[in-house]
Amino acid sequence: MASAIAFKAPLVTDRVVAVTIGSGLVIWSIGSFLSTWGSFYELTLALWLPEFLYSLFYPLLFFGVIRTFTKRVKIAALELLDTAIIAIGFTSVLTAFLLKPAMI
């Protein structure tokens, strides 16, 4: 439902933002469904697939949010680099501090 709202958001004038955030939400939903399905039933897919889909969600969301704050239609290479640095850094910090306690 959240991805449908993001795709059809009337206040978002930049279609790239709507598609990016909406696609990120769809990808996260599919990863969540596969992860939940795999915890209850034998999953014939590779176990890395839900984790890969979760990993794709963050760069798409960060790209969409950063593009939302810019007024220009084109995004410079420096902004893409900033998005990648923020996404990878944030994910690395969360992994370092939260993964070990969650595995216990």
N, C-alpha and C. Protein backbone atom coordinates (compact mmCIF):
# COMPACT_ATOMS: atom_id res chain seq x y z
N MET A 1 0.82 -1.18 0.00
CA MET A 1 0.00 0.00 0.00
C MET A 1 0.88 1.26 0.00
N ALA A 2 1.97 1.21 0.75
CA ALA A 2 2.87 2.36 0.79
C ALA A 2 3.52 2.61 -0.57
N SER A 3 3.85 1.54 -1.29
CA SER A 3 4.45 1.73 -2.61
C SER A 3 3.44 2.29 -3.60
N ALA A 4 2.18 1.88 -3.50
CA ALA A 4 1.15 2.44 -4.38
C ALA A 4 0.96 3.93 -4.11
N ILE A 5 1.01 4.32 -2.86
CA ILE A 5 0.90 5.74 -2.51
C ILE A 5 2.10 6.51 -3.05
N ALA A 6 3.29 5.93 -2.95
CA ALA A 6 4.49 6.60 -3.45
C ALA A 6 4.45 6.75 -4.96
N PHE A 7 3.96 5.72 -5.66
CA PHE A 7 3.88 5.81 -7.13
C PHE A 7 2.88 6.88 -7.57
N LYS A 8 1.80 7.03 -6.84
CA LYS A 8 0.72 7.95 -7.24
C LYS A 8 0.67 9.23 -6.40
N ALA A 9 1.73 9.58 -5.74
CA ALA A 9 1.74 10.76 -4.86
C ALA A 9 1.44 12.02 -5.66
N PRO A 10 0.38 12.74 -5.29
CA PRO A 10 0.03 13.93 -6.06
C PRO A 10 0.94 15.12 -5.80
N LEU A 11 1.62 15.15 -4.66
CA LEU A 11 2.48 16.29 -4.34
C LEU A 11 3.88 16.16 -4.89
N VAL A 12 4.26 14.98 -5.34
CA VAL A 12 5.60 14.78 -5.88
C VAL A 12 5.57 15.14 -7.36
N THR A 13 6.30 16.18 -7.72
CA THR A 13 6.33 16.61 -9.11
C THR A 13 7.43 15.92 -9.90
N ASP A 14 8.35 15.31 -9.22
CA ASP A 14 9.45 14.61 -9.88
C ASP A 14 9.11 13.12 -9.95
N ARG A 15 8.84 12.63 -11.14
CA ARG A 15 8.45 11.23 -11.31
C ARG A 15 9.58 10.27 -10.95
N VAL A 16 10.82 10.71 -11.10
CA VAL A 16 11.95 9.84 -10.74
C VAL A 16 11.93 9.54 -9.25
N VAL A 17 11.59 10.55 -8.44
CA VAL A 17 11.51 10.34 -6.99
C VAL A 17 10.40 9.36 -6.66
N ALA A 18 9.24 9.54 -7.27
CA ALA A 18 8.11 8.65 -6.99
C ALA A 18 8.43 7.22 -7.41
N VAL A 19 9.04 7.05 -8.57
CA VAL A 19 9.38 5.71 -9.04
C VAL A 19 10.48 5.09 -8.18
N THR A 20 11.47 5.89 -7.80
CA THR A 20 12.57 5.37 -6.99
C THR A 20 12.10 4.92 -5.61
N ILE A 21 11.34 5.76 -4.93
CA ILE A 21 10.85 5.40 -3.60
C ILE A 21 9.83 4.27 -3.69
N GLY A 22 8.95 4.33 -4.68
CA GLY A 22 7.97 3.26 -4.86
C GLY A 22 8.63 1.93 -5.18
N SER A 23 9.64 1.95 -6.04
CA SER A 23 10.36 0.71 -6.36
C SER A 23 11.10 0.17 -5.15
N GLY A 24 11.68 1.06 -4.37
CA GLY A 24 12.35 0.62 -3.15
C GLY A 24 11.40 -0.06 -2.19
N LEU A 25 10.19 0.49 -2.06
CA LEU A 25 9.20 -0.12 -1.18
C LEU A 25 8.72 -1.47 -1.70
N VAL A 26 8.57 -1.58 -3.02
CA VAL A 26 8.18 -2.87 -3.60
C VAL A 26 9.28 -3.91 -3.39
N ILE A 27 10.52 -3.51 -3.60
CA ILE A 27 11.65 -4.43 -3.42
C ILE A 27 11.75 -4.86 -1.96
N TRP A 28 11.57 -3.93 -1.03
CA TRP A 28 11.60 -4.28 0.39
C TRP A 28 10.46 -5.23 0.74
N SER A 29 9.28 -5.00 0.18
CA SER A 29 8.13 -5.86 0.45
C SER A 29 8.37 -7.28 -0.06
N ILE A 30 8.94 -7.40 -1.24
CA ILE A 30 9.23 -8.73 -1.79
C ILE A 30 10.28 -9.44 -0.93
N GLY A 31 11.31 -8.71 -0.52
CA GLY A 31 12.33 -9.30 0.35
C GLY A 31 11.75 -9.72 1.69
N SER A 32 10.86 -8.91 2.24
CA SER A 32 10.22 -9.26 3.50
C SER A 32 9.33 -10.48 3.36
N PHE A 33 8.59 -10.55 2.26
CA PHE A 33 7.74 -11.71 2.02
C PHE A 33 8.57 -12.99 1.88
N LEU A 34 9.65 -12.92 1.11
CA LEU A 34 10.50 -14.10 0.93
C LEU A 34 11.17 -14.51 2.22
N SER A 35 11.59 -13.54 3.02
CA SER A 35 12.23 -13.85 4.29
C SER A 35 11.24 -14.51 5.25
N THR A 36 10.04 -13.98 5.32
CA THR A 36 9.02 -14.56 6.20
C THR A 36 8.61 -15.94 5.71
N TRP A 37 8.42 -16.08 4.42
CA TRP A 37 8.05 -17.38 3.84
C TRP A 37 9.14 -18.41 4.12
N GLY A 38 10.38 -18.01 3.99
CA GLY A 38 11.50 -18.92 4.23
C GLY A 38 11.64 -19.33 5.69
N SER A 39 11.16 -18.50 6.60
CA SER A 39 11.26 -18.87 8.01
C SER A 39 10.19 -19.88 8.41
N PHE A 40 9.09 -19.94 7.67
CA PHE A 40 8.02 -20.88 8.00
C PHE A 40 8.02 -22.12 7.11
N TYR A 41 8.42 -21.97 5.87
CA TYR A 41 8.40 -23.08 4.92
C TYR A 41 9.76 -23.25 4.29
N GLU A 42 9.99 -24.39 3.70
CA GLU A 42 11.24 -24.65 2.99
C GLU A 42 11.27 -23.80 1.73
N LEU A 43 12.24 -22.95 1.63
CA LEU A 43 12.35 -22.03 0.50
C LEU A 43 13.29 -22.62 -0.53
N THR A 44 12.81 -22.74 -1.77
CA THR A 44 13.66 -23.30 -2.81
C THR A 44 14.57 -22.24 -3.43
N LEU A 45 14.31 -20.98 -3.15
CA LEU A 45 15.19 -19.92 -3.65
C LEU A 45 16.45 -19.84 -2.80
N ALA A 46 17.42 -19.14 -3.32
CA ALA A 46 18.66 -18.95 -2.57
C ALA A 46 18.38 -18.08 -1.34
N LEU A 47 19.08 -18.36 -0.27
CA LEU A 47 18.87 -17.61 0.96
C LEU A 47 19.37 -16.18 0.89
N TRP A 48 20.25 -15.89 -0.06
CA TRP A 48 20.80 -14.56 -0.18
C TRP A 48 19.83 -13.61 -0.88
N LEU A 49 18.81 -14.11 -1.54
CA LEU A 49 17.90 -13.25 -2.32
C LEU A 49 17.15 -12.24 -1.45
N PRO A 50 16.52 -12.64 -0.32
CA PRO A 50 15.87 -11.61 0.51
C PRO A 50 16.86 -10.58 1.06
N GLU A 51 18.05 -11.01 1.41
CA GLU A 51 19.05 -10.07 1.91
C GLU A 51 19.50 -9.10 0.83
N PHE A 52 19.63 -9.59 -0.39
CA PHE A 52 19.99 -8.73 -1.51
C PHE A 52 18.90 -7.70 -1.78
N LEU A 53 17.65 -8.14 -1.71
CA LEU A 53 16.54 -7.20 -1.92
C LEU A 53 16.48 -6.16 -0.82
N TYR A 54 16.73 -6.57 0.42
CA TYR A 54 16.80 -5.59 1.51
C TYR A 54 17.92 -4.58 1.26
N SER A 55 19.04 -5.05 0.74
CA SER A 55 20.18 -4.17 0.47
C SER A 55 19.89 -3.19 -0.65
N LEU A 56 19.06 -3.56 -1.61
CA LEU A 56 18.70 -2.65 -2.69
C LEU A 56 17.76 -1.55 -2.21
N PHE A 57 17.00 -1.81 -1.18
CA PHE A 57 16.03 -0.85 -0.68
C PHE A 57 16.70 0.44 -0.22
N TYR A 58 17.77 0.34 0.53
CA TYR A 58 18.39 1.53 1.13
C TYR A 58 18.96 2.51 0.11
N PRO A 59 19.72 2.06 -0.89
CA PRO A 59 20.20 3.05 -1.87
C PRO A 59 19.06 3.72 -2.64
N LEU A 60 18.01 2.95 -2.97
CA LEU A 60 16.88 3.55 -3.68
C LEU A 60 16.19 4.59 -2.81
N LEU A 61 15.99 4.28 -1.55
CA LEU A 61 15.34 5.22 -0.66
C LEU A 61 16.19 6.47 -0.44
N PHE A 62 17.48 6.29 -0.19
CA PHE A 62 18.36 7.44 0.02
C PHE A 62 18.44 8.31 -1.24
N PHE A 63 18.50 7.67 -2.41
CA PHE A 63 18.54 8.43 -3.66
C PHE A 63 17.26 9.25 -3.82
N GLY A 64 16.12 8.63 -3.54
CA GLY A 64 14.85 9.34 -3.66
C GLY A 64 14.73 10.48 -2.69
N VAL A 65 15.15 10.27 -1.45
CA VAL A 65 15.05 11.33 -0.44
C VAL A 65 15.99 12.48 -0.77
N ILE A 66 17.19 12.18 -1.18
CA ILE A 66 18.14 13.25 -1.51
C ILE A 66 17.67 14.02 -2.74
N ARG A 67 17.12 13.31 -3.71
CA ARG A 67 16.62 13.99 -4.90
C ARG A 67 15.39 14.84 -4.57
N THR A 68 14.62 14.43 -3.58
CA THR A 68 13.45 15.21 -3.17
C THR A 68 13.87 16.59 -2.67
N PHE A 69 14.99 16.65 -1.97
CA PHE A 69 15.44 17.92 -1.40
C PHE A 69 16.10 18.85 -2.42
N THR A 70 16.46 18.34 -3.57
CA THR A 70 17.07 19.18 -4.59
C THR A 70 16.00 19.71 -5.52
N LYS A 71 16.16 20.90 -5.99
CA LYS A 71 15.18 21.52 -6.90
C LYS A 71 15.51 21.26 -8.36
N ARG A 72 16.74 20.85 -8.63
CA ARG A 72 17.14 20.61 -10.00
C ARG A 72 16.62 19.26 -10.47
N VAL A 73 16.44 19.12 -11.77
CA VAL A 73 15.98 17.85 -12.33
C VAL A 73 17.15 16.89 -12.47
N LYS A 74 18.30 17.41 -12.87
CA LYS A 74 19.48 16.56 -13.02
C LYS A 74 20.24 16.49 -11.70
N ILE A 75 20.77 15.32 -11.44
CA ILE A 75 21.57 15.14 -10.23
C ILE A 75 23.03 14.99 -10.67
N ALA A 76 23.86 15.72 -10.01
CA ALA A 76 25.28 15.69 -10.33
C ALA A 76 25.91 14.40 -9.82
N ALA A 77 27.04 14.07 -10.39
CA ALA A 77 27.76 12.86 -9.98
C ALA A 77 28.18 12.95 -8.51
N LEU A 78 28.44 14.14 -8.04
CA LEU A 78 28.82 14.32 -6.65
C LEU A 78 27.66 13.97 -5.71
N GLU A 79 26.45 14.30 -6.10
CA GLU A 79 25.29 13.94 -5.28
C GLU A 79 25.07 12.43 -5.26
N LEU A 80 25.32 11.77 -6.39
CA LEU A 80 25.22 10.31 -6.41
C LEU A 80 26.28 9.68 -5.52
N LEU A 81 27.48 10.25 -5.54
CA LEU A 81 28.54 9.75 -4.68
C LEU A 81 28.19 9.98 -3.21
N ASP A 82 27.64 11.13 -2.89
CA ASP A 82 27.21 11.39 -1.51
C ASP A 82 26.14 10.40 -1.07
N THR A 83 25.20 10.10 -1.95
CA THR A 83 24.15 9.13 -1.64
C THR A 83 24.75 7.76 -1.36
N ALA A 84 25.69 7.35 -2.19
CA ALA A 84 26.31 6.04 -1.99
C ALA A 84 27.10 5.99 -0.69
N ILE A 85 27.81 7.06 -0.39
CA ILE A 85 28.61 7.10 0.85
C ILE A 85 27.69 7.04 2.07
N ILE A 86 26.61 7.81 2.05
CA ILE A 86 25.67 7.81 3.17
C ILE A 86 25.02 6.44 3.33
N ALA A 87 24.57 5.87 2.23
CA ALA A 87 23.89 4.57 2.28
C ALA A 87 24.81 3.47 2.78
N ILE A 88 26.00 3.40 2.24
CA ILE A 88 26.94 2.36 2.64
C ILE A 88 27.42 2.58 4.07
N GLY A 89 27.69 3.82 4.43
CA GLY A 89 28.13 4.12 5.80
C GLY A 89 27.06 3.81 6.82
N PHE A 90 25.82 4.22 6.54
CA PHE A 90 24.73 3.97 7.46
C PHE A 90 24.48 2.48 7.62
N THR A 91 24.49 1.75 6.51
CA THR A 91 24.28 0.31 6.57
C THR A 91 25.42 -0.38 7.29
N SER A 92 26.64 0.08 7.09
CA SER A 92 27.79 -0.52 7.77
C SER A 92 27.73 -0.31 9.27
N VAL A 93 27.36 0.89 9.70
CA VAL A 93 27.26 1.16 11.12
C VAL A 93 26.15 0.31 11.75
N LEU A 94 25.01 0.23 11.10
CA LEU A 94 23.93 -0.60 11.62
C LEU A 94 24.34 -2.06 11.69
N THR A 95 25.02 -2.52 10.68
CA THR A 95 25.47 -3.91 10.67
C THR A 95 26.45 -4.17 11.78
N ALA A 96 27.38 -3.27 11.98
CA ALA A 96 28.41 -3.46 13.01
C ALA A 96 27.82 -3.51 14.42
N PHE A 97 26.85 -2.67 14.69
CA PHE A 97 26.33 -2.59 16.05
C PHE A 97 25.09 -3.46 16.30
N LEU A 98 24.31 -3.73 15.29
CA LEU A 98 23.05 -4.43 15.52
C LEU A 98 23.02 -5.87 15.06
N LEU A 99 23.93 -6.27 14.20
CA LEU A 99 23.86 -7.63 13.67
C LEU A 99 24.24 -8.66 14.70
N LYS A 100 25.31 -8.44 15.45
CA LYS A 100 25.74 -9.43 16.44
C LYS A 100 24.69 -9.63 17.54
N PRO A 101 24.14 -8.57 18.15
CA PRO A 101 23.09 -8.81 19.15
C PRO A 101 21.84 -9.48 18.56
N ALA A 102 21.54 -9.19 17.33
CA ALA A 102 20.37 -9.82 16.71
C ALA A 102 20.59 -11.28 16.42
N MET A 103 21.81 -11.67 16.15
CA MET A 103 22.12 -13.08 15.87
C MET A 103 22.09 -13.93 17.13
N ILE A 104 22.31 -13.31 18.29
CA ILE A 104 22.28 -14.04 19.55
C ILE A 104 20.86 -14.33 19.89
